[in-house]
Amino acid sequence: MKKKTKSKKQVTRKTKSLAMTKGGWAAAMVLAVGFTVFMFSQEESPEVNRPGVVAPSAPTPSSNKEQVPPFHADANEAKPFPETLSPSLFPNPVVARAYRIAEEMPEVLAQQPCYCYCDGFGHGSLLDCYSDGHGAG
């Protein structure tokens, strides 16, 4: 049996066809990237007025129906500060660091509300969450 060999003309034609395909893909990619960059650079300014489109307004304190949990406006109101749990009790480094911060800066945490709404447990601020395991989540 004789093996069929391709002529130089057939090989050249196939190579040119393949090269044109690669060139076509490259051109398409360049156009796609260029179009994407153009679109992102043309973002409209939020101040632009468009008919029929109403911009959302920021909530005002009077429209905010969520009640802020208790906290101390002045750190002196929270004294004596509750003793926080030792950071060494927690193997998770993130939790241990949070308890370390509470230990080092109780006056700051006393002035922060706790949004887990633990005031039902008698907590008066975020600092109280670190006086027990509650702050560990």
Protein backbone atom coordinates (compact mmCIF):
# COMPACT_ATOMS: atom_id res chain seq x y z
CA MET A 1 0.00 0.00 0.00
CA LYS A 2 1.18 3.40 -0.84
CA LYS A 3 0.98 6.19 1.65
CA LYS A 4 -0.60 9.32 0.36
CA THR A 5 1.66 12.27 0.70
CA LYS A 6 0.40 15.81 0.60
CA SER A 7 1.70 18.09 -2.02
CA LYS A 8 3.42 21.32 -1.08
CA LYS A 9 0.46 23.19 -2.51
CA GLN A 10 -2.02 21.40 -0.17
CA VAL A 11 0.19 22.00 2.90
CA THR A 12 0.65 25.68 2.04
CA ARG A 13 -3.09 26.19 1.51
CA LYS A 14 -3.92 24.54 4.85
CA THR A 15 -1.24 26.56 6.67
CA LYS A 16 -2.55 29.82 5.17
CA SER A 17 -6.09 28.88 6.15
CA LEU A 18 -4.99 28.14 9.72
CA ALA A 19 -3.02 31.39 9.92
CA MET A 20 -6.03 33.37 8.74
CA THR A 21 -8.18 31.69 11.36
CA LYS A 22 -5.70 32.57 14.09
CA GLY A 23 -5.50 36.13 12.78
CA GLY A 24 -9.27 36.35 12.70
CA TRP A 25 -9.51 35.23 16.32
CA ALA A 26 -6.82 37.68 17.37
CA ALA A 27 -8.64 40.53 15.66
CA ALA A 28 -11.92 39.54 17.28
CA MET A 29 -10.28 39.46 20.71
CA VAL A 30 -8.71 42.90 20.19
CA LEU A 31 -12.10 44.29 19.15
CA ALA A 32 -13.85 42.68 22.15
CA VAL A 33 -11.31 44.06 24.63
CA GLY A 34 -11.45 47.48 22.99
CA PHE A 35 -15.25 47.52 23.12
CA THR A 36 -15.25 46.50 26.80
CA VAL A 37 -12.76 49.22 27.71
CA PHE A 38 -14.80 51.77 25.75
CA MET A 39 -18.04 50.79 27.49
CA PHE A 40 -16.55 51.02 30.98
CA SER A 41 -14.97 54.39 30.23
CA GLN A 42 -18.37 55.76 29.17
CA GLU A 43 -20.16 55.27 32.50
CA GLU A 44 -22.69 57.98 33.13
CA SER A 45 -22.27 60.37 35.99
CA PRO A 46 -24.91 59.87 38.71
CA GLU A 47 -25.88 63.54 38.32
CA VAL A 48 -27.09 62.99 34.74
CA ASN A 49 -30.84 63.53 34.53
CA ARG A 50 -32.70 60.98 32.47
CA PRO A 51 -36.42 61.34 31.85
CA GLY A 52 -38.52 58.90 33.81
CA VAL A 53 -35.67 57.78 36.08
CA VAL A 54 -35.82 58.83 39.70
CA ALA A 55 -32.60 58.65 41.70
CA PRO A 56 -32.96 56.94 45.08
CA SER A 57 -32.58 59.23 48.04
CA ALA A 58 -30.49 58.47 51.09
CA PRO A 59 -32.49 57.45 54.14
CA THR A 60 -33.06 60.24 56.60
CA PRO A 61 -32.99 59.70 60.35
CA SER A 62 -36.74 60.35 60.50
CA SER A 63 -37.43 57.64 57.88
CA ASN A 64 -35.19 55.06 59.56
CA LYS A 65 -37.53 52.74 61.44
CA GLU A 66 -34.75 50.54 62.84
CA GLN A 67 -34.19 51.23 66.50
CA VAL A 68 -30.58 51.58 67.62
CA PRO A 69 -29.76 49.10 70.40
CA PRO A 70 -28.62 50.49 73.75
CA PHE A 71 -25.14 51.93 74.23
CA HIS A 72 -23.49 54.42 76.55
CA ALA A 73 -23.09 57.93 75.14
CA ASP A 74 -20.29 58.50 77.63
CA ALA A 75 -17.88 55.73 78.67
CA ASN A 76 -18.06 56.93 82.28
CA GLU A 77 -21.72 55.85 82.37
CA ALA A 78 -20.59 52.24 81.88
CA LYS A 79 -18.15 52.25 84.82
CA PRO A 80 -17.26 50.05 86.44
CA PHE A 81 -16.60 48.20 83.19
CA PRO A 82 -17.53 44.53 83.20
CA GLU A 83 -14.57 42.17 83.22
CA THR A 84 -14.05 40.65 79.79
CA LEU A 85 -13.15 37.01 79.22
CA SER A 86 -9.50 36.21 78.63
CA PRO A 87 -8.52 36.03 74.94
CA SER A 88 -6.51 32.87 75.75
CA LEU A 89 -9.80 30.99 76.21
CA PHE A 90 -10.45 31.11 72.46
CA PRO A 91 -8.47 28.98 69.99
CA ASN A 92 -9.76 30.88 66.98
CA PRO A 93 -7.26 33.75 66.45
CA VAL A 94 -9.92 36.13 65.11
CA VAL A 95 -12.16 35.64 68.14
CA ALA A 96 -9.18 35.85 70.51
CA ARG A 97 -8.16 39.16 68.92
CA ALA A 98 -11.67 40.57 69.33
CA TYR A 99 -11.61 39.67 73.03
CA ARG A 100 -8.12 41.20 73.34
CA ILE A 101 -9.40 44.46 71.83
CA ALA A 102 -12.35 44.45 74.23
CA GLU A 103 -9.92 43.92 77.12
CA GLU A 104 -7.63 46.76 75.97
CA MET A 105 -10.30 49.32 74.98
CA PRO A 106 -13.43 48.79 77.08
CA GLU A 107 -14.32 52.50 76.93
CA VAL A 108 -14.66 52.31 73.15
CA LEU A 109 -16.83 49.19 73.10
CA ALA A 110 -19.03 50.59 75.89
CA GLN A 111 -20.02 53.37 73.50
CA GLN A 112 -20.96 50.99 70.67
CA PRO A 113 -24.41 49.41 70.21
CA CYS A 114 -24.58 45.67 69.72
CA TYR A 115 -26.73 44.74 66.75
CA CYS A 116 -27.44 41.20 67.88
CA TYR A 117 -30.02 42.84 70.15
CA CYS A 118 -28.77 41.16 73.29
CA ASP A 119 -30.27 43.91 75.44
CA GLY A 120 -32.89 41.29 76.31
CA PHE A 121 -30.11 39.58 78.29
CA GLY A 122 -29.42 42.81 80.19
CA HIS A 123 -26.58 43.94 77.96
CA GLY A 124 -26.21 47.70 77.73
CA SER A 125 -23.58 47.95 74.98
CA LEU A 126 -21.20 45.94 72.81
CA LEU A 127 -18.76 45.66 75.74
CA ASP A 128 -21.20 43.43 77.63
CA CYS A 129 -21.01 40.84 74.82
CA TYR A 130 -17.34 40.26 75.70
CA SER A 131 -18.00 39.69 79.39
CA ASP A 132 -19.29 36.23 78.46
CA GLY A 133 -18.96 33.89 75.50
CA HIS A 134 -21.64 35.78 73.62
CA GLY A 135 -19.11 37.79 71.62
CA ALA A 136 -17.51 34.62 70.22
CA GLY A 137 -20.53 34.10 68.03
